[in-house]
C-alpha atoms as a PDB file:
ATOM      1  CA  MET A   1     160.560 163.952 125.139  1.00  0.00           C
ATOM      2  CA  GLN A   2     158.115 166.671 124.168  1.00  0.00           C
ATOM      3  CA  VAL A   3     157.405 165.131 120.752  1.00  0.00           C
ATOM      4  CA  GLU A   4     156.674 161.727 122.252  1.00  0.00           C
ATOM      5  CA  ARG A   5     154.332 163.249 124.827  1.00  0.00           C
ATOM      6  CA  LEU A   6     152.485 165.188 122.144  1.00  0.00           C
ATOM      7  CA  PHE A   7     152.000 162.071 120.024  1.00  0.00           C
ATOM      8  CA  ARG A   8     151.007 160.084 123.112  1.00  0.00           C
ATOM      9  CA  ALA A   9     148.289 162.678 123.825  1.00  0.00           C
ATOM     10  CA  VAL A  10     147.075 162.517 120.220  1.00  0.00           C
ATOM     11  CA  ASN A  11     147.056 158.721 120.363  1.00  0.00           C
ATOM     12  CA  GLU A  12     145.113 158.771 123.629  1.00  0.00           C
ATOM     13  CA  GLN A  13     142.451 160.854 121.909  1.00  0.00           C
ATOM     14  CA  LEU A  14     142.391 158.476 118.929  1.00  0.00           C
ATOM     15  CA  ALA A  15     142.020 155.517 121.281  1.00  0.00           C
ATOM     16  CA  ARG A  16     139.069 157.167 123.045  1.00  0.00           C
ATOM     17  CA  ILE A  17     137.372 157.760 119.697  1.00  0.00           C
ATOM     18  CA  VAL A  18     137.966 154.177 118.573  1.00  0.00           C
ATOM     19  CA  ARG A  19     136.645 152.775 121.863  1.00  0.00           C
ATOM     20  CA  ARG A  20     133.533 154.926 121.577  1.00  0.00           C
ATOM     21  CA  PHE A  21     132.645 154.306 117.954  1.00  0.00           C
ATOM     22  CA  ARG A  22     134.229 150.894 117.414  1.00  0.00           C
ATOM     23  CA  PRO A  23     134.225 149.254 120.842  1.00  0.00           C
ATOM     24  CA  LEU A  24     135.018 145.816 119.439  1.00  0.00           C
ATOM     25  CA  ALA A  25     137.887 146.964 117.203  1.00  0.00           C
ATOM     26  CA  ASP A  26     140.826 144.566 117.211  1.00  0.00           C
ATOM     27  CA  ASP A  27     143.364 147.146 116.066  1.00  0.00           C
ATOM     28  CA  ILE A  28     144.022 150.850 116.418  1.00  0.00           C
ATOM     29  CA  GLU A  29     146.036 153.024 114.060  1.00  0.00           C
ATOM     30  CA  ILE A  30     148.235 155.414 116.020  1.00  0.00           C
ATOM     31  CA  ILE A  31     150.956 157.929 115.210  1.00  0.00           C
ATOM     32  CA  CYS A  32     154.506 156.692 115.723  1.00  0.00           C
ATOM     33  CA  GLU A  33     155.702 157.856 119.163  1.00  0.00           C
ATOM     34  CA  CYS A  34     159.352 158.178 118.163  1.00  0.00           C
ATOM     35  CA  SER A  35     161.640 161.116 118.906  1.00  0.00           C
ATOM     36  CA  ARG A  36     161.707 162.396 115.310  1.00  0.00           C
ATOM     37  CA  GLN A  37     159.849 165.702 115.194  1.00  0.00           C
ATOM     38  CA  SER A  38     159.005 165.285 111.516  1.00  0.00           C
ATOM     39  CA  CYS A  39     157.680 161.721 111.826  1.00  0.00           C
ATOM     40  CA  VAL A  40     153.950 161.328 111.415  1.00  0.00           C
ATOM     41  CA  GLU A  41     153.974 157.717 110.242  1.00  0.00           C
ATOM     42  CA  GLN A  42     151.090 155.562 111.350  1.00  0.00           C
ATOM     43  CA  VAL A  43     151.372 152.267 113.172  1.00  0.00           C
ATOM     44  CA  LEU A  44     148.683 149.571 113.303  1.00  0.00           C
ATOM     45  CA  VAL A  45     148.673 148.045 116.785  1.00  0.00           C
ATOM     46  CA  PRO A  46     146.336 145.541 118.428  1.00  0.00           C
ATOM     47  CA  THR A  47     144.068 147.534 120.753  1.00  0.00           C
ATOM     48  CA  GLY A  48     144.943 145.401 123.770  1.00  0.00           C
ATOM     49  CA  GLU A  49     148.657 145.868 123.168  1.00  0.00           C
ATOM     50  CA  TYR A  50     148.257 149.630 122.898  1.00  0.00           C
ATOM     51  CA  GLU A  51     146.326 149.667 126.181  1.00  0.00           C
ATOM     52  CA  ARG A  52     149.007 147.555 127.886  1.00  0.00           C
ATOM     53  CA  VAL A  53     151.949 149.663 126.667  1.00  0.00           C
ATOM     54  CA  ARG A  54     150.378 153.028 127.470  1.00  0.00           C
ATOM     55  CA  ARG A  55     149.945 152.064 131.136  1.00  0.00           C
ATOM     56  CA  ASN A  56     153.689 152.552 131.594  1.00  0.00           C
ATOM     57  CA  PRO A  57     154.624 156.216 130.970  1.00  0.00           C
ATOM     58  CA  ARG A  58     158.167 155.190 129.974  1.00  0.00           C
ATOM     59  CA  LEU A  59     157.030 152.867 127.177  1.00  0.00           C
ATOM     60  CA  PHE A  60     156.239 154.080 123.661  1.00  0.00           C
ATOM     61  CA  ILE A  61     155.241 152.433 120.383  1.00  0.00           C
ATOM     62  CA  VAL A  62     157.422 153.253 117.383  1.00  0.00           C
ATOM     63  CA  LYS A  63     157.901 152.052 113.826  1.00  0.00           C
ATOM     64  CA  PRO A  64     160.756 149.565 113.420  1.00  0.00           C
ATOM     65  CA  ALA A  65     164.140 151.345 113.197  1.00  0.00           C
ATOM     66  CA  HIS A  66     162.700 154.567 114.686  1.00  0.00           C
ATOM     67  CA  ASP A  67     164.370 154.023 118.076  1.00  0.00           C
ATOM     68  CA  LEU A  68     167.058 156.458 119.187  1.00  0.00           C
ATOM     69  CA  ALA A  69     170.153 154.698 120.532  1.00  0.00           C
ATOM     70  CA  GLY A  70     171.367 156.005 123.873  1.00  0.00           C
ATOM     71  CA  VAL A  71     168.004 157.540 124.744  1.00  0.00           C
ATOM     72  CA  GLU A  72     165.691 154.560 124.538  1.00  0.00           C
ATOM     73  CA  GLU A  73     165.891 150.799 124.512  1.00  0.00           C
ATOM     74  CA  VAL A  74     163.866 148.448 122.326  1.00  0.00           C
ATOM     75  CA  VAL A  75     162.131 146.108 124.771  1.00  0.00           C
ATOM     76  CA  GLU A  76     159.775 144.387 122.309  1.00  0.00           C
ATOM     77  CA  GLU A  77     159.907 143.827 118.566  1.00  0.00           C
ATOM     78  CA  HIS A  78     156.804 143.049 116.535  1.00  0.00           C
ATOM     79  CA  TYR A  79     156.225 142.880 112.795  1.00  0.00           C
ATOM     80  CA  ALA A  80     154.765 146.392 112.382  1.00  0.00           C
ATOM     81  CA  TYR A  81     156.059 148.138 115.508  1.00  0.00           C
ATOM     82  CA  CYS A  82     158.494 148.114 118.400  1.00  0.00           C
ATOM     83  CA  VAL A  83     158.022 149.046 122.023  1.00  0.00           C
ATOM     84  CA  VAL A  84     160.768 151.244 123.422  1.00  0.00           C
ATOM     85  CA  ARG A  85     161.554 152.314 126.959  1.00  0.00           C
ATOM     86  CA  LYS A  86     162.672 155.902 127.318  1.00  0.00           C
ATOM     87  CA  ASP A  87     165.520 156.298 129.780  1.00  0.00           C
ATOM     88  CA  VAL A  88     166.164 160.008 129.440  1.00  0.00           C
ATOM     89  CA  THR A  89     168.217 161.317 132.363  1.00  0.00           C
ATOM     90  CA  ASP A  90     169.281 164.691 130.953  1.00  0.00           C
ATOM     91  CA  GLY A  91     166.420 166.583 132.559  1.00  0.00           C
ATOM     92  CA  SER A  92     164.466 166.999 129.326  1.00  0.00           C
ATOM     93  CA  SER A  93     161.723 164.614 130.323  1.00  0.00           C
END
């Protein structure tokens, strides 16, 4: 889950910048938090939804069809993104 954690850290920084310079922004553009090391696709997410999802360290926002079967479960599907729960038990988390 190293890739996801890296993108989560980058997205946290982006969110801080958006909150500081655009405190009333409805949406935030983040980097897909999928497991694909080469993925740098952007996802437009409502700011409140991003804040809600990031509170749970097992939940990540990914582009549709970027989930990895057997490692994560899609728990929410939206038009531009999905929320997945990572259930990694192989010690790599």
